[in-house]
Amino acid sequence: MDHAAVLALYDRDMREGARPDGPGVRVERAGAVVRQVADVNGWNGVLWSDLDAGSADRVIGEQIAHFTGLGLGFEWKLYGHDRPADLGDRLLAAGFRAEPEETLLAGEVARLALDAEPPAGVRLVEATDAAGVDLVVDVHERAFGTDGTRLRHRLLARLAAHPGTVVAVVALAGEQPVSAARMELVPGTRFAGLWGGGTVEDWRGRGIYRALVAHRARVAAAHGYRYLQVDATPMSRPILQRLGFHALSTTTPYLYEV
């Protein structure tokens, strides 16, 4: 893989040229930034920026004023190759809080290992309705210990308005949901994004996460996508790299709360 070329393509298609990630959502070009504005249940934040040391603090202040003026907290999604080099420090000084750093990985679908299957007694099903979304959210809450209200809202909205742009998959042991993940297909780009992969504690280490990645990769290939991308945690990164993913950059969420 030509890492620099794929990263440049990712920046152009998925950040600077970002599409709204759900109904009722808008993506705005505001000078030197591209931002998404949604309601309180959606994702609000800065996706891309083209800043320098002379403009960064002013633009940061403008984004804070914009989102807080709408009564919204937001995320500045900072990548390791963004400029200026001290942008993270500037965000912290402006009142943002940094979440743990993740690794931006990309894999060419045709070169990924897609033969992984779930262990015996576990089957994968796609969530296409409210009952299926409830299973995804149940796994999310048990695996990550966080509230799944926003996830439920976003998945239901996407499935209702644009069902062909999201694939949500649940791993069932009998009738018990034990792992889940989703994939967002971005029309007009060569990238599909893997999100939210999580397994409840008692079922980790059995190859379910790997099987969920392989399943989604096969779906992406069937839809003609060339690349898969994922913001990988330290836990998932080695699994994904063994499947054929490559590290392109890092990404850190900087959160501003109202």
Protein backbone atom coordinates (compact mmCIF):
# COMPACT_ATOMS: atom_id res chain seq x y z
CA MET A 1 0.00 0.00 0.00
CA ASP A 2 1.17 3.53 -0.81
CA HIS A 3 0.47 4.94 2.65
CA ALA A 4 0.92 8.60 1.72
CA ALA A 5 -1.38 8.32 -1.31
CA VAL A 6 -4.11 6.50 0.61
CA LEU A 7 -3.92 9.01 3.48
CA ALA A 8 -4.22 11.90 1.02
CA LEU A 9 -7.24 10.20 -0.58
CA TYR A 10 -8.78 9.66 2.85
CA ASP A 11 -8.29 13.30 3.81
CA ARG A 12 -9.85 14.47 0.56
CA ASP A 13 -12.83 12.11 0.41
CA MET A 14 -13.67 11.47 4.06
CA ARG A 15 -12.68 14.71 5.76
CA GLU A 16 -12.48 17.72 3.45
CA GLY A 17 -15.20 16.26 1.22
CA ALA A 18 -17.22 14.69 4.04
CA ARG A 19 -20.90 13.78 3.57
CA PRO A 20 -23.56 14.09 6.31
CA ASP A 21 -23.68 10.87 8.35
CA GLY A 22 -27.45 10.81 8.78
CA PRO A 23 -30.79 12.44 7.99
CA GLY A 24 -31.25 16.00 9.19
CA VAL A 25 -27.47 16.46 9.39
CA ARG A 26 -25.48 19.05 7.47
CA VAL A 27 -21.80 19.38 6.63
CA GLU A 28 -20.53 22.95 6.37
CA ARG A 29 -17.35 24.45 4.92
CA ALA A 30 -16.57 27.37 7.24
CA GLY A 31 -13.38 28.99 5.98
CA ALA A 32 -10.51 26.75 7.01
CA VAL A 33 -12.61 23.99 8.59
CA VAL A 34 -15.18 21.41 7.57
CA ARG A 35 -17.68 20.66 10.33
CA GLN A 36 -20.79 18.57 10.83
CA VAL A 37 -23.84 19.95 12.61
CA ALA A 38 -26.55 17.61 13.88
CA ASP A 39 -29.06 17.58 16.73
CA VAL A 40 -28.16 16.67 20.31
CA ASN A 41 -28.33 12.95 19.49
CA GLY A 42 -26.04 13.16 16.46
CA TRP A 43 -22.33 13.69 16.03
CA ASN A 44 -21.30 17.32 16.07
CA GLY A 45 -17.75 18.34 15.35
CA VAL A 46 -14.85 19.46 13.21
CA LEU A 47 -13.81 16.89 10.61
CA TRP A 48 -11.01 18.68 8.79
CA SER A 49 -8.99 21.86 9.13
CA ASP A 50 -6.27 23.72 7.26
CA LEU A 51 -4.67 25.92 9.90
CA ASP A 52 -1.34 27.50 10.73
CA ALA A 53 0.12 29.01 13.87
CA GLY A 54 -1.26 32.42 13.00
CA SER A 55 -4.86 31.35 12.43
CA ALA A 56 -5.39 28.36 14.71
CA ASP A 57 -6.46 30.09 17.94
CA ARG A 58 -8.89 32.39 16.11
CA VAL A 59 -10.50 29.52 14.23
CA ILE A 60 -10.76 27.41 17.38
CA GLY A 61 -12.60 30.27 19.06
CA GLU A 62 -14.94 30.61 16.08
CA GLN A 63 -15.91 26.94 16.27
CA ILE A 64 -16.52 27.12 20.01
CA ALA A 65 -18.77 30.16 19.47
CA HIS A 66 -20.64 28.45 16.63
CA PHE A 67 -21.46 25.19 18.39
CA THR A 68 -22.13 26.64 21.84
CA GLY A 69 -24.35 29.23 20.20
CA LEU A 70 -26.46 26.29 19.02
CA GLY A 71 -26.43 24.82 22.53
CA LEU A 72 -24.24 21.93 21.39
CA GLY A 73 -21.09 20.36 22.68
CA PHE A 74 -18.81 19.08 19.95
CA GLU A 75 -15.72 17.12 19.03
CA TRP A 76 -12.63 18.32 17.22
CA LYS A 77 -11.36 15.17 15.53
CA LEU A 78 -7.62 15.76 15.44
CA TYR A 79 -5.30 13.64 13.30
CA GLY A 80 -1.62 13.14 13.96
CA HIS A 81 -0.62 14.79 10.67
CA ASP A 82 -2.81 17.89 11.13
CA ARG A 83 -1.21 21.30 11.41
CA PRO A 84 -0.01 23.24 13.22
CA ALA A 85 1.92 20.60 15.15
CA ASP A 86 0.76 22.02 18.49
CA LEU A 87 -2.94 22.08 17.57
CA GLY A 88 -3.75 19.60 20.34
CA ASP A 89 -2.15 21.84 22.96
CA ARG A 90 -4.10 24.80 21.60
CA LEU A 91 -7.36 22.86 21.88
CA LEU A 92 -6.59 21.94 25.49
CA ALA A 93 -5.82 25.58 26.28
CA ALA A 94 -9.19 26.55 24.79
CA GLY A 95 -11.08 24.22 27.13
CA PHE A 96 -11.26 20.94 25.24
CA ARG A 97 -10.71 17.55 26.88
CA ALA A 98 -8.70 14.88 25.06
CA GLU A 99 -9.96 11.31 24.81
CA PRO A 100 -7.52 8.39 24.31
CA GLU A 101 -5.58 8.35 21.05
CA GLU A 102 -6.51 5.76 18.43
CA THR A 103 -4.78 4.64 15.23
CA LEU A 104 -6.22 5.35 11.79
CA LEU A 105 -5.93 2.07 9.88
CA ALA A 106 -6.83 1.34 6.29
CA GLY A 107 -6.94 -1.93 4.39
CA GLU A 108 -7.40 -2.65 0.70
CA VAL A 109 -10.41 -4.97 0.63
CA ALA A 110 -8.98 -7.20 -2.10
CA ARG A 111 -5.88 -7.88 0.04
CA LEU A 112 -7.55 -8.55 3.38
CA ALA A 113 -7.88 -11.97 4.99
CA LEU A 114 -11.63 -12.54 4.75
CA ASP A 115 -11.91 -16.23 5.68
CA ALA A 116 -12.55 -15.76 9.41
CA GLU A 117 -15.77 -17.34 10.66
CA PRO A 118 -17.39 -17.15 14.12
CA PRO A 119 -16.72 -19.96 16.60
CA ALA A 120 -19.04 -22.94 16.91
CA GLY A 121 -22.41 -22.03 18.37
CA VAL A 122 -22.19 -18.37 17.32
CA ARG A 123 -23.92 -16.94 14.26
CA LEU A 124 -23.85 -13.48 12.69
CA VAL A 125 -27.07 -11.67 11.80
CA GLU A 126 -27.59 -8.22 10.33
CA ALA A 127 -29.77 -5.77 12.26
CA THR A 128 -32.33 -4.25 9.92
CA ASP A 129 -35.11 -3.15 12.27
CA ALA A 130 -35.73 -1.78 15.76
CA ALA A 131 -35.43 -5.20 17.39
CA GLY A 132 -32.05 -5.76 15.76
CA VAL A 133 -30.85 -2.29 16.77
CA ASP A 134 -31.83 -3.08 20.36
CA LEU A 135 -29.48 -6.08 20.24
CA VAL A 136 -26.63 -3.93 18.92
CA VAL A 137 -27.19 -1.34 21.64
CA ASP A 138 -27.41 -4.02 24.33
CA VAL A 139 -23.96 -5.31 23.34
CA HIS A 140 -22.58 -1.77 23.14
CA GLU A 141 -23.71 -0.94 26.66
CA ARG A 142 -22.40 -4.19 28.15
CA ALA A 143 -19.10 -4.20 26.24
CA PHE A 144 -18.19 -0.54 26.74
CA GLY A 145 -20.12 0.39 29.87
CA THR A 146 -21.62 3.46 28.19
CA ASP A 147 -25.15 4.61 27.47
CA GLY A 148 -26.39 3.60 24.01
CA THR A 149 -29.20 6.13 23.59
CA ARG A 150 -27.42 8.15 20.92
CA LEU A 151 -26.30 5.03 19.08
CA ARG A 152 -29.89 3.74 19.01
CA HIS A 153 -31.15 7.07 17.67
CA ARG A 154 -28.50 7.27 14.94
CA LEU A 155 -28.89 3.67 13.78
CA LEU A 156 -32.68 3.85 13.62
CA ALA A 157 -32.53 7.13 11.71
CA ARG A 158 -29.99 5.77 9.20
CA LEU A 159 -31.86 2.51 8.67
CA ALA A 160 -35.11 4.39 8.10
CA ALA A 161 -33.76 7.09 5.76
CA HIS A 162 -30.71 5.53 4.09
CA PRO A 163 -30.69 1.77 4.76
CA GLY A 164 -28.09 1.12 2.07
CA THR A 165 -25.45 3.19 3.84
CA VAL A 166 -25.15 1.30 7.13
CA VAL A 167 -24.61 -2.37 8.00
CA ALA A 168 -25.08 -3.38 11.63
CA VAL A 169 -24.12 -6.94 12.60
CA VAL A 170 -24.78 -8.88 15.81
CA ALA A 171 -23.11 -12.10 16.93
CA LEU A 172 -25.59 -14.36 18.70
CA ALA A 173 -24.71 -17.28 20.96
CA GLY A 174 -28.03 -19.05 20.86
CA GLU A 175 -30.33 -16.07 21.28
CA GLN A 176 -27.91 -14.05 23.42
CA PRO A 177 -26.16 -11.09 21.75
CA VAL A 178 -22.46 -11.29 22.62
CA SER A 179 -20.77 -9.01 20.08
CA ALA A 180 -21.78 -6.33 17.60
CA ALA A 181 -20.34 -3.88 15.13
CA ARG A 182 -21.39 -1.64 12.27
CA MET A 183 -20.08 -0.41 8.95
CA GLU A 184 -20.86 2.89 7.25
CA LEU A 185 -20.79 2.88 3.44
CA VAL A 186 -20.02 6.34 2.09
CA PRO A 187 -21.50 6.82 -1.41
CA GLY A 188 -19.21 8.43 -3.94
CA THR A 189 -16.02 7.45 -2.12
CA ARG A 190 -13.74 4.43 -2.11
CA PHE A 191 -13.96 4.02 1.67
CA ALA A 192 -16.26 2.13 4.00
CA GLY A 193 -15.78 2.71 7.72
CA LEU A 194 -15.78 0.11 10.48
CA TRP A 195 -17.21 1.34 13.79
CA GLY A 196 -18.27 0.19 17.21
CA GLY A 197 -16.87 -3.33 17.29
CA GLY A 198 -17.32 -4.66 20.81
CA THR A 199 -17.62 -8.04 22.54
CA VAL A 200 -18.96 -8.68 26.03
CA GLU A 201 -16.21 -9.71 28.41
CA ASP A 202 -17.01 -13.42 28.77
CA TRP A 203 -16.84 -13.93 24.99
CA ARG A 204 -13.61 -12.11 24.19
CA GLY A 205 -10.63 -13.95 22.76
CA ARG A 206 -12.67 -16.41 20.71
CA GLY A 207 -12.31 -14.83 17.27
CA ILE A 208 -15.71 -13.15 17.13
CA TYR A 209 -14.33 -9.67 16.48
CA ARG A 210 -12.19 -11.03 13.64
CA ALA A 211 -15.27 -12.72 12.14
CA LEU A 212 -17.24 -9.47 12.33
CA VAL A 213 -14.48 -7.63 10.48
CA ALA A 214 -14.36 -10.31 7.78
CA HIS A 215 -18.15 -10.26 7.37
CA ARG A 216 -18.23 -6.50 6.92
CA ALA A 217 -15.28 -6.59 4.54
CA ARG A 218 -17.10 -9.10 2.33
CA VAL A 219 -20.14 -6.81 2.27
CA ALA A 220 -17.96 -3.81 1.38
CA ALA A 221 -16.35 -5.79 -1.44
CA ALA A 222 -19.78 -6.76 -2.78
CA HIS A 223 -20.70 -3.06 -2.89
CA GLY A 224 -17.54 -2.15 -4.79
CA TYR A 225 -15.59 -0.35 -2.05
CA ARG A 226 -11.82 -0.47 -2.38
CA TYR A 227 -10.76 0.42 1.17
CA LEU A 228 -11.90 -0.16 4.72
CA GLN A 229 -10.88 2.33 7.40
CA VAL A 230 -11.12 2.13 11.16
CA ASP A 231 -10.10 4.16 14.19
CA ALA A 232 -8.46 1.33 16.11
CA THR A 233 -7.97 1.02 19.84
CA PRO A 234 -4.81 -0.64 21.20
CA MET A 235 -6.92 -3.78 21.71
CA SER A 236 -8.20 -4.04 18.14
CA ARG A 237 -5.16 -2.71 16.27
CA PRO A 238 -3.06 -5.94 16.32
CA ILE A 239 -6.04 -8.03 15.20
CA LEU A 240 -6.71 -5.68 12.29
CA GLN A 241 -3.08 -5.52 11.26
CA ARG A 242 -2.93 -9.31 11.15
CA LEU A 243 -5.89 -9.16 8.76
CA GLY A 244 -4.00 -6.80 6.45
CA PHE A 245 -4.72 -3.27 7.70
CA HIS A 246 -1.99 -0.59 7.70
CA ALA A 247 -1.46 2.34 10.05
CA LEU A 248 -1.82 5.72 8.29
CA SER A 249 -1.99 8.21 11.16
CA THR A 250 -3.39 8.68 14.64
CA THR A 251 -6.67 10.28 15.67
CA THR A 252 -7.63 11.85 18.97
CA PRO A 253 -11.08 13.16 19.90
CA TYR A 254 -10.97 16.54 21.63
CA LEU A 255 -14.31 17.20 23.32
CA TYR A 256 -15.85 20.55 24.19
CA GLU A 257 -18.81 20.32 26.53
CA VAL A 258 -21.54 22.88 27.15
